[in-house]
């Protein structure tokens, strides 16, 4: 198993919330395989109703929860990890198929979503804009470079690369990120 993935799994298991970003980055190559697996295995009559991304996301949620609870003690290499994720994806797909079959809805009754018909209310856009500004204010209080760190992290940069880019130490970037998570979690953004 790649060292970065092993380290991210260890940190996540230890309770480090920021490790989720590193895990998702490391798992990205496997995600497209899992989505193709769902698309290949779902029943023909349910293809329009079962979202393959939602099935994979449900499996990842189970995986992250299971890692925290030490439900997967034998993850020695990438093949073990891929096997566990495939198993969780198939379990999520079976659950989703069973849910749809129990509903006994006709696939003909499904209507397609036309994005031109959906217009977000103006107040929803302004509410979202206000909330984003509140988050930015909270982050600015943590550190002057907190927003830059967030932007670079969302671009997929590692903590080490961010430290070099912003002329900070690696430890400073890690501490700022921890403070960012705490500040956003503890703030009241309603």
N, C-alpha and C. Protein backbone atom coordinates (compact mmCIF):
# COMPACT_ATOMS: atom_id res chain seq x y z
N UNK A 1 0.86 -1.17 0.00
CA UNK A 1 0.00 0.00 0.00
C UNK A 1 0.91 1.23 0.00
N UNK A 2 0.58 2.23 -0.81
CA UNK A 2 1.40 3.45 -0.82
C UNK A 2 1.49 4.05 0.58
N UNK A 3 2.66 4.61 0.87
CA UNK A 3 2.91 5.15 2.20
C UNK A 3 1.94 6.28 2.55
N UNK A 4 1.64 7.13 1.57
CA UNK A 4 0.73 8.26 1.83
C UNK A 4 -0.65 7.74 2.23
N UNK A 5 -1.10 6.67 1.59
CA UNK A 5 -2.41 6.09 1.91
C UNK A 5 -2.38 5.45 3.30
N UNK A 6 -1.31 4.72 3.61
CA UNK A 6 -1.18 4.10 4.93
C UNK A 6 -1.19 5.16 6.03
N UNK A 7 -0.45 6.24 5.79
CA UNK A 7 -0.38 7.32 6.78
C UNK A 7 -1.75 7.99 6.95
N UNK A 8 -2.45 8.22 5.85
CA UNK A 8 -3.78 8.84 5.92
C UNK A 8 -4.75 7.93 6.67
N UNK A 9 -4.69 6.63 6.42
CA UNK A 9 -5.56 5.69 7.14
C UNK A 9 -5.24 5.69 8.63
N UNK A 10 -3.96 5.71 8.97
CA UNK A 10 -3.56 5.72 10.38
C UNK A 10 -4.07 6.98 11.07
N UNK A 11 -3.92 8.15 10.39
CA UNK A 11 -4.37 9.41 10.98
C UNK A 11 -5.89 9.43 11.14
N UNK A 12 -6.61 8.93 10.14
CA UNK A 12 -8.08 8.89 10.21
C UNK A 12 -8.52 8.01 11.36
N UNK A 13 -7.89 6.84 11.48
CA UNK A 13 -8.24 5.92 12.56
C UNK A 13 -7.97 6.56 13.92
N UNK A 14 -6.95 7.41 14.00
CA UNK A 14 -6.61 8.07 15.26
C UNK A 14 -7.54 9.25 15.56
N UNK A 15 -8.41 9.59 14.62
CA UNK A 15 -9.38 10.65 14.88
C UNK A 15 -9.06 11.98 14.22
N UNK A 16 -8.07 12.03 13.35
CA UNK A 16 -7.70 13.26 12.66
C UNK A 16 -8.66 13.50 11.49
N UNK A 17 -9.59 14.44 11.66
CA UNK A 17 -10.61 14.72 10.64
C UNK A 17 -9.99 15.18 9.32
N UNK A 18 -8.86 15.87 9.38
CA UNK A 18 -8.24 16.38 8.15
C UNK A 18 -7.69 15.26 7.28
N UNK A 19 -7.52 14.06 7.82
CA UNK A 19 -7.01 12.94 7.04
C UNK A 19 -7.99 12.51 5.96
N UNK A 20 -9.26 12.87 6.09
CA UNK A 20 -10.26 12.49 5.09
C UNK A 20 -9.91 13.07 3.72
N UNK A 21 -9.40 14.30 3.69
CA UNK A 21 -9.01 14.90 2.42
C UNK A 21 -7.89 14.10 1.77
N UNK A 22 -6.90 13.70 2.59
CA UNK A 22 -5.78 12.92 2.07
C UNK A 22 -6.25 11.55 1.60
N UNK A 23 -7.15 10.93 2.35
CA UNK A 23 -7.69 9.63 1.95
C UNK A 23 -8.41 9.73 0.61
N UNK A 24 -9.26 10.73 0.46
CA UNK A 24 -9.99 10.89 -0.79
C UNK A 24 -9.04 11.12 -1.95
N UNK A 25 -7.98 11.88 -1.72
CA UNK A 25 -6.99 12.13 -2.77
C UNK A 25 -6.30 10.82 -3.17
N UNK A 26 -5.95 10.02 -2.18
CA UNK A 26 -5.26 8.75 -2.44
C UNK A 26 -6.20 7.71 -3.06
N UNK A 27 -7.48 7.77 -2.75
CA UNK A 27 -8.44 6.80 -3.26
C UNK A 27 -8.98 7.17 -4.65
N UNK A 28 -8.70 8.38 -5.10
CA UNK A 28 -9.26 8.88 -6.36
C UNK A 28 -9.06 7.91 -7.54
N UNK A 29 -7.88 7.31 -7.72
CA UNK A 29 -7.74 6.38 -8.86
C UNK A 29 -8.67 5.18 -8.78
N UNK A 30 -9.00 4.74 -7.59
CA UNK A 30 -9.86 3.57 -7.40
C UNK A 30 -11.34 3.92 -7.58
N UNK A 31 -11.69 5.18 -7.37
CA UNK A 31 -13.10 5.57 -7.42
C UNK A 31 -13.72 5.36 -8.80
N UNK A 32 -12.99 5.69 -9.86
CA UNK A 32 -13.55 5.50 -11.20
C UNK A 32 -13.80 4.03 -11.49
N UNK A 33 -12.93 3.14 -10.97
CA UNK A 33 -13.16 1.70 -11.14
C UNK A 33 -14.42 1.27 -10.41
N UNK A 34 -14.62 1.82 -9.22
CA UNK A 34 -15.80 1.45 -8.44
C UNK A 34 -17.08 1.94 -9.10
N UNK A 35 -17.05 3.12 -9.68
CA UNK A 35 -18.23 3.65 -10.39
C UNK A 35 -18.54 2.78 -11.60
N UNK A 36 -17.50 2.36 -12.34
CA UNK A 36 -17.73 1.46 -13.49
C UNK A 36 -18.31 0.13 -13.03
N UNK A 37 -17.87 -0.36 -11.88
CA UNK A 37 -18.40 -1.61 -11.33
C UNK A 37 -19.90 -1.48 -11.05
N UNK A 38 -20.30 -0.39 -10.44
CA UNK A 38 -21.72 -0.17 -10.14
C UNK A 38 -22.53 -0.09 -11.44
N UNK A 39 -22.02 0.64 -12.40
CA UNK A 39 -22.74 0.78 -13.67
C UNK A 39 -22.89 -0.57 -14.38
N UNK A 40 -21.90 -1.42 -14.26
CA UNK A 40 -21.95 -2.72 -14.92
C UNK A 40 -22.89 -3.69 -14.20
N UNK A 41 -23.03 -3.56 -12.89
CA UNK A 41 -23.78 -4.53 -12.10
C UNK A 41 -25.22 -4.16 -11.81
N UNK A 42 -25.59 -2.91 -11.95
CA UNK A 42 -26.96 -2.55 -11.58
C UNK A 42 -27.94 -3.10 -12.62
N UNK A 43 -29.12 -3.39 -12.17
CA UNK A 43 -30.15 -4.00 -13.01
C UNK A 43 -30.57 -3.04 -14.12
N UNK A 44 -30.87 -3.60 -15.27
CA UNK A 44 -31.22 -2.78 -16.43
C UNK A 44 -32.43 -1.90 -16.17
N UNK A 45 -33.43 -2.43 -15.45
CA UNK A 45 -34.64 -1.65 -15.21
C UNK A 45 -34.44 -0.55 -14.16
N UNK A 46 -33.30 -0.56 -13.47
CA UNK A 46 -33.04 0.45 -12.45
C UNK A 46 -31.93 1.43 -12.84
N UNK A 47 -31.43 1.34 -14.04
CA UNK A 47 -30.32 2.20 -14.45
C UNK A 47 -30.65 3.68 -14.35
N UNK A 48 -31.89 4.02 -14.61
CA UNK A 48 -32.27 5.44 -14.57
C UNK A 48 -32.42 5.94 -13.14
N UNK A 49 -32.62 5.03 -12.19
CA UNK A 49 -32.93 5.47 -10.82
C UNK A 49 -31.78 5.29 -9.84
N UNK A 50 -30.83 4.44 -10.14
CA UNK A 50 -29.73 4.21 -9.21
C UNK A 50 -28.53 5.04 -9.66
N UNK A 51 -28.16 5.97 -8.82
CA UNK A 51 -27.03 6.84 -9.10
C UNK A 51 -25.76 6.15 -8.64
N UNK A 52 -24.87 5.83 -9.59
CA UNK A 52 -23.65 5.09 -9.25
C UNK A 52 -22.76 5.88 -8.30
N UNK A 53 -22.73 7.19 -8.44
CA UNK A 53 -21.90 8.01 -7.53
C UNK A 53 -22.44 7.94 -6.10
N UNK A 54 -23.75 7.93 -5.95
CA UNK A 54 -24.35 7.85 -4.62
C UNK A 54 -24.04 6.50 -3.97
N UNK A 55 -24.05 5.44 -4.77
CA UNK A 55 -23.73 4.11 -4.23
C UNK A 55 -22.28 4.07 -3.75
N UNK A 56 -21.37 4.61 -4.55
CA UNK A 56 -19.95 4.64 -4.16
C UNK A 56 -19.76 5.52 -2.93
N UNK A 57 -20.45 6.65 -2.87
CA UNK A 57 -20.34 7.52 -1.70
C UNK A 57 -20.84 6.82 -0.43
N UNK A 58 -21.92 6.06 -0.54
CA UNK A 58 -22.42 5.31 0.62
C UNK A 58 -21.39 4.27 1.06
N UNK A 59 -20.74 3.62 0.10
CA UNK A 59 -19.71 2.63 0.43
C UNK A 59 -18.52 3.31 1.10
N UNK A 60 -18.12 4.48 0.61
CA UNK A 60 -17.00 5.21 1.21
C UNK A 60 -17.34 5.63 2.64
N UNK A 61 -18.57 6.03 2.85
CA UNK A 61 -19.00 6.42 4.20
C UNK A 61 -18.88 5.22 5.14
N UNK A 62 -19.31 4.05 4.68
CA UNK A 62 -19.16 2.83 5.48
C UNK A 62 -17.70 2.50 5.72
N UNK A 63 -16.88 2.70 4.69
CA UNK A 63 -15.45 2.42 4.82
C UNK A 63 -14.81 3.33 5.87
N UNK A 64 -15.06 4.63 5.77
CA UNK A 64 -14.47 5.57 6.73
C UNK A 64 -14.92 5.24 8.15
N UNK A 65 -16.20 4.91 8.30
CA UNK A 65 -16.72 4.55 9.62
C UNK A 65 -16.07 3.26 10.11
N UNK A 66 -15.94 2.28 9.22
CA UNK A 66 -15.35 0.99 9.59
C UNK A 66 -13.89 1.09 9.96
N UNK A 67 -13.15 1.95 9.26
CA UNK A 67 -11.73 2.14 9.60
C UNK A 67 -11.61 2.69 11.01
N UNK A 68 -12.45 3.65 11.35
CA UNK A 68 -12.42 4.23 12.70
C UNK A 68 -12.71 3.18 13.76
N UNK A 69 -13.58 2.23 13.44
CA UNK A 69 -13.97 1.21 14.41
C UNK A 69 -13.09 -0.04 14.32
N UNK A 70 -12.03 0.02 13.52
CA UNK A 70 -11.10 -1.12 13.33
C UNK A 70 -11.81 -2.35 12.79
N UNK A 71 -12.78 -2.17 11.90
CA UNK A 71 -13.50 -3.29 11.30
C UNK A 71 -12.71 -3.95 10.17
N UNK A 72 -11.66 -3.29 9.70
CA UNK A 72 -10.84 -3.82 8.62
C UNK A 72 -9.39 -3.93 9.08
N UNK A 73 -9.10 -4.92 9.93
CA UNK A 73 -7.76 -4.99 10.50
C UNK A 73 -6.69 -5.39 9.49
N UNK A 74 -7.07 -6.08 8.42
CA UNK A 74 -6.08 -6.56 7.47
C UNK A 74 -6.16 -5.74 6.18
N UNK A 75 -5.53 -4.60 6.19
CA UNK A 75 -5.39 -3.78 4.99
C UNK A 75 -3.89 -3.62 4.75
N UNK A 76 -3.28 -4.70 4.25
CA UNK A 76 -1.82 -4.71 4.09
C UNK A 76 -1.35 -4.05 2.82
N UNK A 77 -2.16 -4.11 1.77
CA UNK A 77 -1.71 -3.55 0.51
C UNK A 77 -2.91 -2.99 -0.26
N UNK A 78 -2.62 -2.45 -1.43
CA UNK A 78 -3.66 -1.82 -2.25
C UNK A 78 -4.72 -2.83 -2.69
N UNK A 79 -4.31 -4.08 -2.88
CA UNK A 79 -5.29 -5.10 -3.30
C UNK A 79 -6.30 -5.37 -2.19
N UNK A 80 -5.83 -5.42 -0.93
CA UNK A 80 -6.75 -5.60 0.19
C UNK A 80 -7.74 -4.45 0.26
N UNK A 81 -7.23 -3.24 0.09
CA UNK A 81 -8.07 -2.05 0.13
C UNK A 81 -9.11 -2.10 -0.99
N UNK A 82 -8.67 -2.42 -2.20
CA UNK A 82 -9.59 -2.49 -3.34
C UNK A 82 -10.65 -3.56 -3.11
N UNK A 83 -10.27 -4.69 -2.54
CA UNK A 83 -11.21 -5.77 -2.26
C UNK A 83 -12.27 -5.32 -1.26
N UNK A 84 -11.85 -4.66 -0.19
CA UNK A 84 -12.79 -4.18 0.82
C UNK A 84 -13.75 -3.16 0.21
N UNK A 85 -13.21 -2.22 -0.58
CA UNK A 85 -14.07 -1.21 -1.19
C UNK A 85 -15.05 -1.82 -2.19
N UNK A 86 -14.60 -2.79 -2.98
CA UNK A 86 -15.52 -3.46 -3.91
C UNK A 86 -16.65 -4.17 -3.15
N UNK A 87 -16.29 -4.82 -2.04
CA UNK A 87 -17.29 -5.50 -1.23
C UNK A 87 -18.32 -4.50 -0.69
N UNK A 88 -17.84 -3.37 -0.18
CA UNK A 88 -18.75 -2.36 0.36
C UNK A 88 -19.62 -1.74 -0.73
N UNK A 89 -19.04 -1.54 -1.91
CA UNK A 89 -19.81 -0.99 -3.03
C UNK A 89 -20.91 -1.96 -3.43
N UNK A 90 -20.58 -3.24 -3.51
CA UNK A 90 -21.59 -4.23 -3.90
C UNK A 90 -22.69 -4.33 -2.84
N UNK A 91 -22.32 -4.24 -1.57
CA UNK A 91 -23.32 -4.26 -0.50
C UNK A 91 -24.23 -3.04 -0.62
N UNK A 92 -23.65 -1.87 -0.89
CA UNK A 92 -24.45 -0.65 -1.04
C UNK A 92 -25.37 -0.75 -2.26
N UNK A 93 -24.85 -1.33 -3.34
CA UNK A 93 -25.67 -1.49 -4.55
C UNK A 93 -26.84 -2.43 -4.29
N UNK A 94 -26.58 -3.54 -3.61
CA UNK A 94 -27.65 -4.49 -3.29
C UNK A 94 -28.72 -3.81 -2.43
N UNK A 95 -28.28 -3.05 -1.43
CA UNK A 95 -29.23 -2.32 -0.58
C UNK A 95 -30.08 -1.35 -1.40
N UNK A 96 -29.44 -0.65 -2.32
CA UNK A 96 -30.15 0.32 -3.15
C UNK A 96 -31.15 -0.38 -4.09
N UNK A 97 -30.73 -1.47 -4.69
CA UNK A 97 -31.63 -2.24 -5.57
C UNK A 97 -32.82 -2.74 -4.77
N UNK A 98 -32.57 -3.31 -3.61
CA UNK A 98 -33.67 -3.81 -2.77
C UNK A 98 -34.62 -2.70 -2.38
N UNK A 99 -34.09 -1.54 -2.06
CA UNK A 99 -34.95 -0.40 -1.69
C UNK A 99 -35.86 -0.01 -2.85
N UNK A 100 -35.30 0.03 -4.05
CA UNK A 100 -36.11 0.40 -5.22
C UNK A 100 -37.12 -0.69 -5.58
N UNK A 101 -36.72 -1.91 -5.44
CA UNK A 101 -37.65 -3.01 -5.76
C UNK A 101 -38.81 -3.04 -4.77
N UNK A 102 -38.53 -2.78 -3.48
CA UNK A 102 -39.60 -2.74 -2.48
C UNK A 102 -40.58 -1.61 -2.77
N UNK A 103 -40.08 -0.52 -3.32
CA UNK A 103 -40.95 0.62 -3.62
C UNK A 103 -41.92 0.28 -4.74
N UNK A 104 -41.56 -0.68 -5.58
CA UNK A 104 -42.40 -1.14 -6.69
C UNK A 104 -42.91 -0.01 -7.56
N UNK A 105 -42.00 0.89 -7.83
CA UNK A 105 -42.38 1.99 -8.71
C UNK A 105 -42.05 1.61 -10.14
N UNK A 106 -42.80 2.11 -11.04
CA UNK A 106 -42.53 1.86 -12.44
C UNK A 106 -41.40 2.76 -12.90
N UNK A 107 -40.48 2.19 -13.68
CA UNK A 107 -39.39 3.02 -14.20
C UNK A 107 -39.93 4.01 -15.22
N UNK A 108 -41.09 3.71 -15.81
CA UNK A 108 -41.69 4.63 -16.76
C UNK A 108 -42.21 5.88 -16.08
N UNK A 109 -42.49 5.78 -14.79
CA UNK A 109 -43.04 6.91 -14.05
C UNK A 109 -41.97 7.94 -13.70
N UNK A 110 -40.71 7.58 -13.86
CA UNK A 110 -39.64 8.52 -13.54
C UNK A 110 -39.63 9.66 -14.56
N UNK A 111 -39.41 10.83 -14.08
CA UNK A 111 -39.31 11.98 -14.96
C UNK A 111 -37.87 12.46 -14.98
N UNK A 112 -37.43 12.93 -16.11
CA UNK A 112 -36.05 13.40 -16.20
C UNK A 112 -35.96 14.80 -15.61
N UNK A 113 -34.81 15.13 -15.14
CA UNK A 113 -34.57 16.44 -14.55
C UNK A 113 -34.05 17.36 -15.64
N UNK A 114 -34.74 18.44 -15.88
CA UNK A 114 -34.31 19.41 -16.87
C UNK A 114 -33.77 20.62 -16.13
N UNK A 115 -32.47 20.86 -16.26
CA UNK A 115 -31.84 21.93 -15.49
C UNK A 115 -32.37 23.31 -15.89
N UNK A 116 -32.91 23.42 -17.10
CA UNK A 116 -33.46 24.72 -17.51
C UNK A 116 -34.74 25.06 -16.75
N UNK A 117 -35.43 24.03 -16.24
CA UNK A 117 -36.66 24.26 -15.51
C UNK A 117 -36.42 24.68 -14.07
N UNK A 118 -35.23 24.41 -13.58
CA UNK A 118 -34.93 24.71 -12.18
C UNK A 118 -34.21 26.04 -12.08
N UNK A 119 -34.81 26.93 -11.35
CA UNK A 119 -34.18 28.23 -11.09
C UNK A 119 -34.19 28.42 -9.59
N UNK A 120 -33.00 28.58 -9.02
CA UNK A 120 -32.89 28.75 -7.57
C UNK A 120 -33.51 30.09 -7.18
N UNK A 121 -34.28 30.11 -6.12
CA UNK A 121 -34.85 31.37 -5.66
C UNK A 121 -33.74 32.35 -5.29
N UNK A 122 -33.98 33.61 -5.52
CA UNK A 122 -32.97 34.63 -5.25
C UNK A 122 -32.54 34.63 -3.79
N UNK A 123 -33.48 34.38 -2.89
CA UNK A 123 -33.11 34.39 -1.47
C UNK A 123 -32.20 33.21 -1.12
N UNK A 124 -32.34 32.07 -1.83
CA UNK A 124 -31.46 30.92 -1.58
C UNK A 124 -30.03 31.26 -1.99
N UNK A 125 -29.88 31.96 -3.11
CA UNK A 125 -28.55 32.35 -3.57
C UNK A 125 -27.93 33.35 -2.62
N UNK A 126 -28.72 34.31 -2.16
CA UNK A 126 -28.16 35.30 -1.23
C UNK A 126 -27.84 34.66 0.12
N UNK A 127 -28.68 33.68 0.56
CA UNK A 127 -28.39 32.96 1.81
C UNK A 127 -27.08 32.20 1.70
N UNK A 128 -26.88 31.54 0.57
CA UNK A 128 -25.64 30.79 0.36
C UNK A 128 -24.45 31.74 0.32
N UNK A 129 -24.61 32.85 -0.36
CA UNK A 129 -23.54 33.85 -0.44
C UNK A 129 -23.18 34.38 0.95
N UNK A 130 -24.21 34.64 1.76
CA UNK A 130 -23.96 35.12 3.13
C UNK A 130 -23.23 34.06 3.96
N UNK A 131 -23.65 32.81 3.81
CA UNK A 131 -23.01 31.75 4.58
C UNK A 131 -21.54 31.59 4.18
N UNK A 132 -21.27 31.64 2.87
CA UNK A 132 -19.88 31.54 2.42
C UNK A 132 -19.03 32.69 2.96
N UNK A 133 -19.61 33.87 3.00
CA UNK A 133 -18.87 35.01 3.55
C UNK A 133 -18.61 34.83 5.05
N UNK A 134 -19.59 34.27 5.77
CA UNK A 134 -19.38 34.01 7.19
C UNK A 134 -18.25 33.00 7.40
N UNK A 135 -18.21 31.97 6.56
CA UNK A 135 -17.12 30.99 6.66
C UNK A 135 -15.78 31.65 6.39
N UNK A 136 -15.73 32.51 5.37
CA UNK A 136 -14.48 33.22 5.07
C UNK A 136 -14.06 34.10 6.25
N UNK A 137 -15.03 34.76 6.90
CA UNK A 137 -14.71 35.58 8.07
C UNK A 137 -14.13 34.74 9.20
N UNK A 138 -14.73 33.57 9.43
CA UNK A 138 -14.23 32.68 10.48
C UNK A 138 -12.80 32.24 10.15
N UNK A 139 -12.56 31.91 8.89
CA UNK A 139 -11.22 31.46 8.49
C UNK A 139 -10.20 32.59 8.58
N UNK A 140 -10.61 33.80 8.26
CA UNK A 140 -9.68 34.93 8.36
C UNK A 140 -9.23 35.15 9.80
N UNK A 141 -10.11 34.86 10.76
CA UNK A 141 -9.75 35.01 12.17
C UNK A 141 -8.73 33.96 12.61
N UNK A 142 -8.72 32.80 11.96
CA UNK A 142 -7.79 31.74 12.32
C UNK A 142 -6.36 32.13 11.95
N UNK A 143 -6.18 32.58 10.71
CA UNK A 143 -4.84 32.94 10.22
C UNK A 143 -5.02 33.71 8.91
N UNK A 144 -4.13 34.68 8.64
CA UNK A 144 -4.25 35.44 7.39
C UNK A 144 -4.15 34.58 6.13
N UNK A 145 -3.46 33.44 6.21
CA UNK A 145 -3.29 32.59 5.03
C UNK A 145 -4.24 31.39 5.03
N UNK A 146 -5.20 31.36 5.93
CA UNK A 146 -6.11 30.22 6.04
C UNK A 146 -6.90 29.99 4.75
N UNK A 147 -7.40 31.05 4.15
CA UNK A 147 -8.19 30.90 2.93
C UNK A 147 -7.30 30.41 1.79
N UNK A 148 -6.06 30.90 1.72
CA UNK A 148 -5.13 30.41 0.71
C UNK A 148 -4.85 28.92 0.90
N UNK A 149 -4.70 28.51 2.15
CA UNK A 149 -4.45 27.09 2.44
C UNK A 149 -5.65 26.26 1.99
N UNK A 150 -6.86 26.72 2.29
CA UNK A 150 -8.06 26.01 1.88
C UNK A 150 -8.14 25.91 0.35
N UNK A 151 -7.90 27.02 -0.34
CA UNK A 151 -7.96 27.01 -1.81
C UNK A 151 -6.95 26.03 -2.40
N UNK A 152 -5.73 26.04 -1.88
CA UNK A 152 -4.70 25.14 -2.40
C UNK A 152 -5.02 23.69 -2.07
N UNK A 153 -5.61 23.45 -0.91
CA UNK A 153 -5.97 22.09 -0.51
C UNK A 153 -7.08 21.57 -1.42
N UNK A 154 -8.05 22.44 -1.74
CA UNK A 154 -9.13 22.05 -2.64
C UNK A 154 -8.63 21.80 -4.06
N UNK A 155 -7.49 22.42 -4.41
CA UNK A 155 -6.87 22.16 -5.70
C UNK A 155 -6.09 20.85 -5.71
N UNK A 156 -6.03 20.18 -4.55
CA UNK A 156 -5.38 18.87 -4.48
C UNK A 156 -3.93 18.90 -4.01
N UNK A 157 -3.47 20.04 -3.57
CA UNK A 157 -2.09 20.12 -3.11
C UNK A 157 -1.93 19.49 -1.73
N UNK A 158 -0.78 18.88 -1.50
CA UNK A 158 -0.49 18.28 -0.20
C UNK A 158 -0.08 19.39 0.78
N UNK A 159 -0.07 19.04 2.06
CA UNK A 159 0.36 20.01 3.07
C UNK A 159 1.79 20.49 2.80
N UNK A 160 2.64 19.57 2.40
CA UNK A 160 4.04 19.92 2.12
C UNK A 160 4.14 20.92 0.96
N UNK A 161 3.39 20.67 -0.10
CA UNK A 161 3.40 21.58 -1.25
C UNK A 161 2.82 22.95 -0.88
N UNK A 162 1.78 22.94 -0.05
CA UNK A 162 1.18 24.20 0.40
C UNK A 162 2.20 24.98 1.23
N UNK A 163 2.92 24.29 2.10
CA UNK A 163 3.93 24.95 2.94
C UNK A 163 4.97 25.63 2.06
N UNK A 164 5.42 24.94 1.03
CA UNK A 164 6.42 25.53 0.12
C UNK A 164 5.83 26.71 -0.65
N UNK A 165 4.61 26.54 -1.12
CA UNK A 165 3.95 27.59 -1.92
C UNK A 165 3.75 28.87 -1.11
N UNK A 166 3.35 28.72 0.17
CA UNK A 166 3.02 29.89 1.00
C UNK A 166 4.16 30.30 1.92
N UNK A 167 5.30 29.64 1.78
CA UNK A 167 6.48 29.95 2.59
C UNK A 167 6.19 29.82 4.08
N UNK A 168 5.60 28.66 4.43
CA UNK A 168 5.30 28.32 5.82
C UNK A 168 5.96 26.97 6.12
N UNK A 169 6.07 26.66 7.39
CA UNK A 169 6.57 25.33 7.75
C UNK A 169 5.42 24.33 7.59
N UNK A 170 5.77 23.06 7.41
CA UNK A 170 4.76 22.02 7.29
C UNK A 170 3.90 21.96 8.55
N UNK A 171 4.53 22.07 9.70
CA UNK A 171 3.80 22.03 10.97
C UNK A 171 2.81 23.20 11.08
N UNK A 172 3.22 24.38 10.57
CA UNK A 172 2.32 25.54 10.60
C UNK A 172 1.07 25.28 9.77
N UNK A 173 1.27 24.69 8.60
CA UNK A 173 0.13 24.39 7.73
C UNK A 173 -0.80 23.40 8.43
N UNK A 174 -0.24 22.37 9.04
CA UNK A 174 -1.05 21.38 9.75
C UNK A 174 -1.84 22.01 10.90
N UNK A 175 -1.16 22.85 11.67
CA UNK A 175 -1.84 23.50 12.80
C UNK A 175 -2.94 24.45 12.33
N UNK A 176 -2.66 25.21 11.28
CA UNK A 176 -3.67 26.14 10.75
C UNK A 176 -4.87 25.36 10.27
N UNK A 177 -4.64 24.24 9.57
CA UNK A 177 -5.76 23.43 9.09
C UNK A 177 -6.58 22.88 10.25
N UNK A 178 -5.93 22.42 11.30
CA UNK A 178 -6.66 21.93 12.47
C UNK A 178 -7.50 23.05 13.09
N UNK A 179 -6.91 24.22 13.19
CA UNK A 179 -7.65 25.36 13.77
C UNK A 179 -8.82 25.76 12.88
N UNK A 180 -8.63 25.64 11.54
CA UNK A 180 -9.71 25.96 10.62
C UNK A 180 -10.90 25.04 10.85
N UNK A 181 -10.64 23.73 10.91
CA UNK A 181 -11.72 22.77 11.14
C UNK A 181 -12.43 23.07 12.45
N UNK A 182 -11.65 23.31 13.50
CA UNK A 182 -12.25 23.59 14.81
C UNK A 182 -13.08 24.86 14.79
N UNK A 183 -12.54 25.90 14.15
CA UNK A 183 -13.23 27.19 14.12
C UNK A 183 -14.56 27.09 13.36
N UNK A 184 -14.56 26.41 12.23
CA UNK A 184 -15.79 26.28 11.44
C UNK A 184 -16.79 25.40 12.19
N UNK A 185 -16.30 24.32 12.79
CA UNK A 185 -17.18 23.42 13.53
C UNK A 185 -17.81 24.13 14.74
N UNK A 186 -17.00 24.94 15.44
CA UNK A 186 -17.47 25.60 16.66
C UNK A 186 -18.28 26.86 16.40
N UNK A 187 -18.17 27.41 15.21
CA UNK A 187 -18.89 28.66 14.92
C UNK A 187 -20.36 28.38 14.69
N UNK A 188 -21.15 29.36 14.93
CA UNK A 188 -22.59 29.26 14.67
C UNK A 188 -22.85 30.01 13.38
N UNK A 189 -23.06 29.26 12.29
CA UNK A 189 -23.20 29.89 10.97
C UNK A 189 -24.66 30.07 10.56
N UNK A 190 -25.60 29.83 11.47
CA UNK A 190 -27.01 29.96 11.09
C UNK A 190 -27.32 31.39 10.71
